[in-house]
Amino acid sequence: MHASATSAVDTASLMPQHADFSDWPNSREWLAHLIHFATVSRDSNLALIHCLRDALEVAGVSAEIIHDDGGDKANLLAVIGPVVEGGVVLSGHTDVVPVEGQAWDSDPFTLREADGRLYGRGSSDMKGFIACCMAAVPALVSAARDGKLERPVIFAFSYDEEIGCLGAPRMIARLRDRLPRPAAVLVGEPTLMSVVDAHKGITVIRTTVTGKPSHSSQVNLGVSAIHLAARMVTFIEDRMQARIDCGHLDERFEVPHASLHVGRIEGGTAVNITAGQCIFDWELRHLPGEDVEAMLAEIDAYAERLLVPYRERAPEVAIHSERTVETVPALGQGERDPAIHLCQRLLGEARASQAVTYATEAGQFQREGWPTVVCGPGSISVAHQANEYIDIRQLAACDRFLAQLVREQQTS
């Protein structure tokens, strides 16, 4: 049985019994343990967070738990080494997406190895990275105890990334208020250990259109919310094309323009009644540097113009939009070179950085003025899919990457 959101887990069996870390789990063992926690975003992640905290305390590292308002989810923040400037933040999210409706070949919450791959929900996105971080604890703690770790390594593990990067902001605020400025933030989303220095931002919006119901044989007495919504949907798509036509493009991205997409719509009560209400959900994925507020204001202004001809006979008509997920900022406008160069040194090669279309918490860290990139093990192509996996070689590559980070933080 996999661990539920609140069930107790025998963490002691995983922990070392001696101060020399001789039996500390490796990254594969940590991954097996972390996948056992079914931390789907709709549920609590506290059991996993407490496991990490308890393990770090065994290692002599104090970890701070930062709860959400409800108290059933939390971030974890831990500093290994001196509290000075120049630290490196290792960031990862602990939540995973659901498995319902997916055809898995085995229990998604029990690690399965086959053909050099480790299967399980979150193996790639992104418990593999967290597992490697935890496997690096002995080297970090030993260096700190010996006085060799000149700059800290900071673990920053969040909740609810998958549903809008909800947990990271309060963890980032705590990090900002508590610690000196870090030199770099490395967000370990799956990039096949390539360096990503730019991604799009995202805003998710629900628009509610209120019309005036009438019998459909007397459409002149009513106002169809569905018809108004259809015009809004078309306008939203037209604004995407307008930005393309005006050259608002960044060719580094696979989709080189802002994307505006309506993903769900419902409304009306019967075919012979003009619809009194229609609701649609849509998203804006913007390029780095684009003015999100101006783009949304343009759509709101169109909604106001659209309603003018109808208000005399139906003053109740309205179009109201609200953000169901606050804007997650893009990555790519702020300073990134220190983080890029750090990753290149850790990887042992000066490979070019990349841009990706998906969003992460990296933009939230960069918003604080901290050089931030995305670099982690596993492939985004298998994330959120049935039979999600991480190649064992990717775990090994991340282990080497973090071992080099330990050495890097010991040098001037």
Protein backbone atom coordinates (compact mmCIF):
# COMPACT_ATOMS: atom_id res chain seq x y z
CA MET A 1 0.00 0.00 0.00
CA HIS A 2 1.23 3.49 -0.77
CA ALA A 3 1.36 6.15 1.92
CA SER A 4 -1.75 8.27 2.20
CA ALA A 5 -1.60 12.00 2.75
CA THR A 6 -1.77 11.69 6.53
CA SER A 7 -0.69 8.14 7.37
CA ALA A 8 2.41 7.48 9.45
CA VAL A 9 5.41 6.10 7.59
CA ASP A 10 8.29 4.20 9.11
CA THR A 11 10.98 6.73 8.32
CA ALA A 12 13.31 5.28 10.95
CA SER A 13 13.92 2.21 8.83
CA LEU A 14 15.36 4.41 6.12
CA MET A 15 17.57 6.53 8.35
CA PRO A 16 21.23 5.92 9.20
CA GLN A 17 21.98 4.51 12.62
CA HIS A 18 25.51 5.92 12.76
CA ALA A 19 26.92 9.42 12.53
CA ASP A 20 29.29 8.44 9.72
CA PHE A 21 26.37 8.16 7.21
CA SER A 22 27.53 4.70 6.16
CA ASP A 23 23.96 3.54 5.65
CA TRP A 24 22.41 6.77 4.37
CA PRO A 25 20.08 6.02 1.42
CA ASN A 26 21.30 6.64 -2.12
CA SER A 27 19.23 8.52 -4.67
CA ARG A 28 17.42 5.42 -5.93
CA GLU A 29 16.45 4.41 -2.39
CA TRP A 30 15.28 7.93 -1.65
CA LEU A 31 13.22 7.95 -4.83
CA ALA A 32 11.50 4.70 -3.89
CA HIS A 33 10.60 6.19 -0.52
CA LEU A 34 9.38 9.52 -1.89
CA ILE A 35 7.19 7.95 -4.57
CA HIS A 36 5.50 5.92 -1.82
CA PHE A 37 3.91 9.16 -0.65
CA ALA A 38 0.84 9.85 -2.80
CA THR A 39 1.25 13.62 -2.76
CA VAL A 40 -1.35 14.44 -5.41
CA SER A 41 -1.98 18.18 -5.25
CA ARG A 42 -5.55 17.79 -4.01
CA ASP A 43 -4.22 16.01 -0.91
CA SER A 44 -1.83 16.89 1.90
CA ASN A 45 1.93 16.59 1.47
CA LEU A 46 2.70 16.76 5.18
CA ALA A 47 3.74 13.11 5.59
CA LEU A 48 6.43 13.54 2.96
CA ILE A 49 7.55 16.91 4.35
CA HIS A 50 7.81 15.44 7.85
CA CYS A 51 9.84 12.54 6.48
CA LEU A 52 12.33 14.94 4.91
CA ARG A 53 12.49 17.06 8.06
CA ASP A 54 13.07 14.03 10.28
CA ALA A 55 15.82 12.73 8.01
CA LEU A 56 17.56 16.10 7.94
CA GLU A 57 17.36 16.35 11.73
CA VAL A 58 19.02 12.93 12.01
CA ALA A 59 21.79 14.40 9.87
CA GLY A 60 22.06 17.40 12.17
CA VAL A 61 20.33 19.84 9.82
CA SER A 62 17.51 22.03 11.09
CA ALA A 63 14.63 22.28 8.62
CA GLU A 64 11.84 24.85 8.77
CA ILE A 65 8.31 23.87 7.79
CA ILE A 66 6.22 26.66 6.25
CA HIS A 67 2.52 25.76 6.22
CA ASP A 68 -0.26 26.96 3.97
CA ASP A 69 -3.22 28.78 5.49
CA GLY A 70 -5.12 25.55 6.09
CA GLY A 71 -2.22 23.82 7.80
CA ASP A 72 -2.45 20.60 5.77
CA LYS A 73 0.26 21.43 3.24
CA ALA A 74 3.74 22.81 3.71
CA ASN A 75 7.02 23.89 2.19
CA LEU A 76 10.36 22.84 3.64
CA LEU A 77 13.36 25.15 3.89
CA ALA A 78 16.74 23.90 5.10
CA VAL A 79 20.18 25.51 5.10
CA ILE A 80 23.34 23.41 5.13
CA GLY A 81 26.46 25.44 5.80
CA PRO A 82 27.16 28.99 6.97
CA VAL A 83 24.46 31.64 6.72
CA VAL A 84 26.33 33.92 4.32
CA GLU A 85 25.88 35.35 0.84
CA GLY A 86 26.68 33.21 -2.15
CA GLY A 87 24.47 30.23 -1.35
CA VAL A 88 22.88 28.00 -3.95
CA VAL A 89 19.18 27.22 -3.65
CA LEU A 90 18.04 23.77 -4.83
CA SER A 91 14.31 24.01 -5.47
CA GLY A 92 11.78 21.29 -6.15
CA HIS A 93 8.07 20.68 -5.71
CA THR A 94 6.72 17.76 -3.72
CA ASP A 95 3.25 17.48 -5.29
CA VAL A 96 2.33 15.30 -8.25
CA VAL A 97 -0.55 15.10 -10.70
CA PRO A 98 -3.36 12.53 -10.40
CA VAL A 99 -3.24 9.03 -11.89
CA GLU A 100 -6.98 8.48 -12.36
CA GLY A 101 -7.93 7.54 -15.90
CA GLN A 102 -4.40 6.50 -16.80
CA ALA A 103 -3.46 2.94 -17.76
CA TRP A 104 -0.46 2.15 -15.55
CA ASP A 105 1.31 -1.20 -15.83
CA SER A 106 2.01 -1.22 -12.08
CA ASP A 107 1.14 0.64 -8.89
CA PRO A 108 2.01 4.30 -9.62
CA PHE A 109 3.07 4.82 -6.01
CA THR A 110 5.47 1.88 -5.80
CA LEU A 111 8.80 2.25 -7.58
CA ARG A 112 9.30 -0.34 -10.32
CA GLU A 113 12.58 -0.90 -12.16
CA ALA A 114 12.71 -2.27 -15.68
CA ASP A 115 15.16 -1.89 -18.56
CA GLY A 116 17.21 0.79 -16.84
CA ARG A 117 14.18 2.89 -15.96
CA LEU A 118 12.52 3.66 -12.63
CA TYR A 119 8.75 3.90 -12.95
CA GLY A 120 6.38 5.73 -10.61
CA ARG A 121 4.31 8.88 -10.31
CA GLY A 122 6.66 11.78 -9.75
CA SER A 123 9.79 9.85 -10.71
CA SER A 124 10.62 12.45 -13.32
CA ASP A 125 8.46 15.37 -12.18
CA MET A 126 10.13 15.88 -9.82
CA LYS A 127 10.88 13.55 -6.95
CA GLY A 128 13.96 12.30 -8.78
CA PHE A 129 15.63 15.66 -8.19
CA ILE A 130 14.59 15.78 -4.54
CA ALA A 131 15.90 12.24 -4.09
CA CYS A 132 19.29 13.31 -5.44
CA CYS A 133 19.30 16.33 -3.12
CA MET A 134 18.64 14.11 -0.12
CA ALA A 135 21.30 11.64 -1.24
CA ALA A 136 23.81 14.52 -1.26
CA VAL A 137 23.16 15.38 2.41
CA PRO A 138 26.08 13.34 3.85
CA ALA A 139 28.63 15.08 1.63
CA LEU A 140 27.16 18.49 2.41
CA VAL A 141 26.96 17.92 6.16
CA SER A 142 30.45 16.43 6.33
CA ALA A 143 31.89 19.42 4.48
CA ALA A 144 30.02 21.81 6.76
CA ARG A 145 31.17 20.01 9.93
CA ASP A 146 34.76 20.13 8.73
CA GLY A 147 34.48 23.87 8.13
CA LYS A 148 35.08 23.41 4.41
CA LEU A 149 31.68 24.56 3.17
CA GLU A 150 32.26 28.26 2.66
CA ARG A 151 28.83 29.00 1.20
CA PRO A 152 25.52 27.32 1.98
CA VAL A 153 23.39 24.95 -0.02
CA ILE A 154 19.71 25.57 0.61
CA PHE A 155 16.90 23.06 0.09
CA ALA A 156 13.60 24.70 -0.88
CA PHE A 157 10.86 22.11 -1.41
CA SER A 158 7.35 23.39 -2.13
CA TYR A 159 3.71 22.33 -2.30
CA ASP A 160 1.07 22.86 -5.01
CA GLU A 161 3.32 23.69 -7.94
CA GLU A 162 1.18 21.59 -10.25
CA ILE A 163 -1.95 23.69 -9.67
CA GLY A 164 -0.47 27.14 -10.08
CA CYS A 165 2.84 27.42 -8.21
CA LEU A 166 0.87 28.27 -5.06
CA GLY A 167 3.32 27.22 -2.38
CA ALA A 168 6.59 28.78 -3.53
CA PRO A 169 5.80 32.48 -2.91
CA ARG A 170 5.59 32.22 0.88
CA MET A 171 8.71 30.03 0.94
CA ILE A 172 10.54 32.55 -1.23
CA ALA A 173 9.44 35.37 1.08
CA ARG A 174 10.78 33.47 4.07
CA LEU A 175 14.05 32.79 2.28
CA ARG A 176 14.35 36.48 1.36
CA ASP A 177 13.67 37.67 4.90
CA ARG A 178 15.81 35.08 6.69
CA LEU A 179 18.91 34.57 4.57
CA PRO A 180 21.54 36.63 2.75
CA ARG A 181 21.19 36.88 -1.02
CA PRO A 182 21.90 33.59 -2.81
CA ALA A 183 24.24 33.48 -5.77
CA ALA A 184 21.97 31.21 -7.80
CA VAL A 185 18.73 29.23 -7.72
CA LEU A 186 18.57 25.88 -9.51
CA VAL A 187 15.05 24.57 -10.05
CA GLY A 188 15.30 20.85 -10.68
CA GLU A 189 12.40 20.31 -13.08
CA PRO A 190 13.10 17.55 -15.63
CA THR A 191 15.30 18.94 -18.42
CA LEU A 192 17.49 15.86 -19.10
CA MET A 193 20.15 17.82 -17.18
CA SER A 194 20.16 20.57 -19.79
CA VAL A 195 20.15 24.21 -18.70
CA VAL A 196 16.90 26.10 -19.26
CA ASP A 197 17.13 29.86 -18.80
CA ALA A 198 13.75 30.94 -20.18
CA HIS A 199 10.16 29.76 -20.00
CA LYS A 200 6.73 31.26 -20.48
CA GLY A 201 4.52 32.54 -17.71
CA ILE A 202 0.88 31.60 -17.25
CA THR A 203 -2.37 33.16 -16.08
CA VAL A 204 -5.59 31.13 -15.78
CA ILE A 205 -8.89 33.00 -15.97
CA ARG A 206 -12.59 32.22 -15.63
CA THR A 207 -15.00 34.49 -17.49
CA THR A 208 -18.66 34.54 -16.47
CA VAL A 209 -21.11 36.02 -18.96
CA THR A 210 -24.56 37.00 -17.71
CA GLY A 211 -27.33 37.35 -20.27
CA LYS A 212 -31.12 37.73 -20.14
CA PRO A 213 -33.22 34.58 -20.61
CA SER A 214 -36.22 34.65 -22.95
CA HIS A 215 -38.18 32.24 -25.11
CA SER A 216 -36.13 31.59 -28.21
CA SER A 217 -39.09 32.63 -30.41
CA GLN A 218 -38.67 36.11 -28.91
CA VAL A 219 -34.95 36.59 -29.06
CA ASN A 220 -35.51 40.32 -29.27
CA LEU A 221 -36.51 40.25 -25.58
CA GLY A 222 -33.49 38.38 -24.36
CA VAL A 223 -29.71 38.43 -24.59
CA SER A 224 -27.90 35.14 -25.05
CA ALA A 225 -24.92 34.73 -22.75
CA ILE A 226 -23.67 32.02 -25.10
CA HIS A 227 -23.64 34.37 -28.08
CA LEU A 228 -21.77 37.00 -26.08
CA ALA A 229 -19.32 34.36 -24.82
CA ALA A 230 -18.74 33.17 -28.40
CA ARG A 231 -17.71 36.68 -29.41
CA MET A 232 -15.37 36.86 -26.43
CA VAL A 233 -13.80 33.51 -27.28
CA THR A 234 -13.25 34.60 -30.87
CA PHE A 235 -11.75 37.91 -29.76
CA ILE A 236 -9.35 36.13 -27.40
CA GLU A 237 -8.11 33.95 -30.25
CA ASP A 238 -7.91 36.98 -32.55
CA ARG A 239 -5.67 38.78 -30.05
CA MET A 240 -3.23 35.89 -30.23
CA GLN A 241 -3.10 36.18 -34.01
CA ALA A 242 -2.75 39.96 -33.77
CA ARG A 243 0.35 39.59 -31.62
CA ILE A 244 1.81 37.20 -34.16
CA ASP A 245 1.06 39.61 -37.00
CA CYS A 246 2.69 42.47 -35.07
CA GLY A 247 5.87 40.45 -34.60
CA HIS A 248 5.64 39.79 -30.85
CA LEU A 249 7.75 36.65 -31.25
CA ASP A 250 10.62 34.86 -29.57
CA GLU A 251 11.98 32.16 -31.85
CA ARG A 252 13.75 30.39 -28.98
CA PHE A 253 10.38 28.92 -28.02
CA GLU A 254 8.74 26.02 -29.83
CA VAL A 255 5.57 28.14 -29.86
CA PRO A 256 7.25 31.51 -30.45
CA HIS A 257 4.36 33.72 -29.40
CA ALA A 258 2.02 34.22 -26.47
CA SER A 259 -0.74 31.62 -26.55
CA LEU A 260 -4.32 32.41 -25.59
CA HIS A 261 -6.48 29.33 -25.31
CA VAL A 262 -10.05 28.63 -24.16
CA GLY A 263 -10.13 25.14 -22.72
CA ARG A 264 -13.63 24.74 -21.29
CA ILE A 265 -17.06 26.32 -21.82
CA GLU A 266 -20.58 25.64 -20.61
CA GLY A 267 -23.85 27.52 -20.53
CA GLY A 268 -27.55 27.59 -21.22
CA THR A 269 -30.45 25.48 -19.99
CA ALA A 270 -32.39 24.46 -23.12
CA VAL A 271 -32.25 24.91 -26.88
CA ASN A 272 -35.40 27.07 -26.85
CA ILE A 273 -34.23 29.49 -24.13
CA THR A 274 -31.72 32.26 -24.65
CA ALA A 275 -28.93 31.46 -22.25
CA GLY A 276 -28.89 33.35 -18.99
CA GLN A 277 -25.30 32.41 -18.21
CA CYS A 278 -22.21 31.05 -19.90
CA ILE A 279 -18.87 30.37 -18.25
CA PHE A 280 -15.56 29.65 -19.95
CA ASP A 281 -12.07 28.97 -18.63
CA TRP A 282 -9.04 30.16 -20.52
CA GLU A 283 -5.34 30.77 -20.16
CA LEU A 284 -2.68 33.18 -21.28
CA ARG A 285 0.88 31.89 -21.62
CA HIS A 286 3.07 34.92 -22.10
CA LEU A 287 6.63 35.39 -23.29
CA PRO A 288 9.29 36.83 -20.99
CA GLY A 289 8.99 40.60 -20.93
CA GLU A 290 5.40 40.83 -22.15
CA ASP A 291 2.98 43.06 -20.24
CA VAL A 292 0.35 40.66 -18.94
CA GLU A 293 -1.78 43.38 -17.37
CA ALA A 294 -1.97 45.32 -20.63
CA MET A 295 -2.94 42.20 -22.55
CA LEU A 296 -5.73 41.37 -20.12
CA ALA A 297 -6.92 44.99 -19.98
CA GLU A 298 -7.35 44.92 -23.76
CA ILE A 299 -9.70 41.96 -23.45
CA ASP A 300 -11.64 43.56 -20.60
CA ALA A 301 -12.05 46.72 -22.65
CA TYR A 302 -13.51 44.71 -25.52
CA ALA A 303 -15.98 43.09 -23.12
CA GLU A 304 -17.22 46.51 -22.05
CA ARG A 305 -17.68 47.63 -25.65
CA LEU A 306 -19.49 44.41 -26.47
CA LEU A 307 -22.13 45.01 -23.79
CA VAL A 308 -23.04 48.59 -24.70
CA PRO A 309 -25.76 47.82 -27.32
CA TYR A 310 -27.59 45.45 -24.95
CA ARG A 311 -27.67 47.36 -21.69
CA GLU A 312 -30.69 49.54 -22.51
CA ARG A 313 -33.03 46.57 -22.77
CA ALA A 314 -31.13 44.30 -20.37
CA PRO A 315 -29.16 46.27 -17.76
CA GLU A 316 -28.26 43.03 -15.96
CA VAL A 317 -25.98 41.78 -18.73
CA ALA A 318 -22.37 41.53 -17.63
CA ILE A 319 -19.02 39.97 -18.44
CA HIS A 320 -16.81 39.35 -15.45
CA SER A 321 -13.36 37.78 -15.54
CA GLU A 322 -11.37 36.62 -12.53
CA ARG A 323 -8.05 34.86 -12.19
CA THR A 324 -8.42 31.33 -10.90
CA VAL A 325 -4.63 31.08 -10.84
CA GLU A 326 -2.63 34.24 -10.25
CA THR A 327 -0.02 35.03 -12.87
CA VAL A 328 3.02 32.78 -12.63
CA PRO A 329 5.84 34.93 -14.00
CA ALA A 330 7.92 33.94 -16.98
CA LEU A 331 11.60 33.19 -16.63
CA GLY A 332 14.05 35.03 -18.81
CA GLN A 333 14.13 38.78 -18.24
CA GLY A 334 16.30 39.01 -15.13
CA GLU A 335 19.94 38.14 -14.45
CA ARG A 336 20.67 34.52 -15.25
CA ASP A 337 24.34 34.35 -16.22
CA PRO A 338 25.70 33.42 -12.75
CA ALA A 339 23.27 30.49 -12.56
CA ILE A 340 23.95 29.46 -16.17
CA HIS A 341 27.69 29.51 -15.66
CA LEU A 342 27.37 27.60 -12.38
CA CYS A 343 25.40 24.83 -14.09
CA GLN A 344 27.89 24.68 -16.94
CA ARG A 345 30.73 24.22 -14.47
CA LEU A 346 28.81 21.54 -12.58
CA LEU A 347 27.99 19.73 -15.82
CA GLY A 348 31.57 20.02 -17.02
CA GLU A 349 30.63 21.52 -20.36
CA ALA A 350 29.55 24.89 -21.74
CA ARG A 351 26.38 23.65 -23.40
CA ALA A 352 23.96 26.33 -24.62
CA SER A 353 20.94 27.12 -22.50
CA GLN A 354 17.43 26.50 -23.80
CA ALA A 355 13.91 27.93 -23.64
CA VAL A 356 10.79 25.86 -22.88
CA THR A 357 7.08 26.56 -23.20
CA TYR A 358 5.93 25.16 -19.84
CA ALA A 359 5.94 27.20 -16.63
CA THR A 360 7.79 26.52 -13.36
CA GLU A 361 8.51 28.22 -10.05
CA ALA A 362 11.75 29.62 -11.52
CA GLY A 363 10.13 32.89 -12.54
CA GLN A 364 8.96 33.42 -8.97
CA PHE A 365 12.53 33.10 -7.69
CA GLN A 366 13.86 35.35 -10.45
CA ARG A 367 11.29 38.00 -9.55
CA GLU A 368 13.25 38.48 -6.30
CA GLY A 369 16.33 39.39 -8.33
CA TRP A 370 18.09 36.03 -7.85
CA PRO A 371 19.84 34.46 -10.87
CA THR A 372 17.70 31.42 -11.64
CA VAL A 373 17.70 28.57 -14.14
CA VAL A 374 15.97 25.21 -14.51
CA CYS A 375 18.12 22.07 -14.62
CA GLY A 376 17.18 18.61 -13.43
CA PRO A 377 17.04 14.89 -14.20
CA GLY A 378 14.37 13.17 -16.25
CA SER A 379 12.30 14.13 -19.26
CA ILE A 380 9.30 16.45 -19.35
CA SER A 381 7.92 14.28 -22.18
CA VAL A 382 6.97 11.52 -19.71
CA ALA A 383 5.82 13.81 -16.91
CA HIS A 384 2.08 13.59 -16.12
CA GLN A 385 1.82 10.46 -18.28
CA ALA A 386 0.94 6.88 -17.41
CA ASN A 387 4.08 4.86 -16.63
CA GLU A 388 6.07 7.99 -15.85
CA TYR A 389 9.71 7.06 -15.39
CA ILE A 390 13.22 8.37 -14.93
CA ASP A 391 16.24 6.77 -16.56
CA ILE A 392 18.70 5.48 -13.95
CA ARG A 393 21.46 7.26 -15.87
CA GLN A 394 19.66 10.55 -15.27
CA LEU A 395 19.72 9.99 -11.52
CA ALA A 396 23.44 9.22 -11.75
CA ALA A 397 24.05 12.37 -13.77
CA CYS A 398 22.23 14.47 -11.18
CA ASP A 399 24.20 12.79 -8.38
CA ARG A 400 27.44 13.80 -10.12
CA PHE A 401 26.09 17.31 -10.68
CA LEU A 402 25.33 17.77 -6.97
CA ALA A 403 28.62 16.17 -5.90
CA GLN A 404 30.37 18.80 -7.99
CA LEU A 405 28.20 21.49 -6.35
CA VAL A 406 29.49 20.39 -2.94
CA ARG A 407 33.03 20.85 -4.21
CA GLU A 408 32.13 24.18 -5.81
CA GLN A 409 30.76 25.58 -2.56
CA GLN A 410 34.05 24.77 -0.83
CA THR A 411 36.10 27.02 -3.11
CA SER A 412 36.55 30.78 -3.07
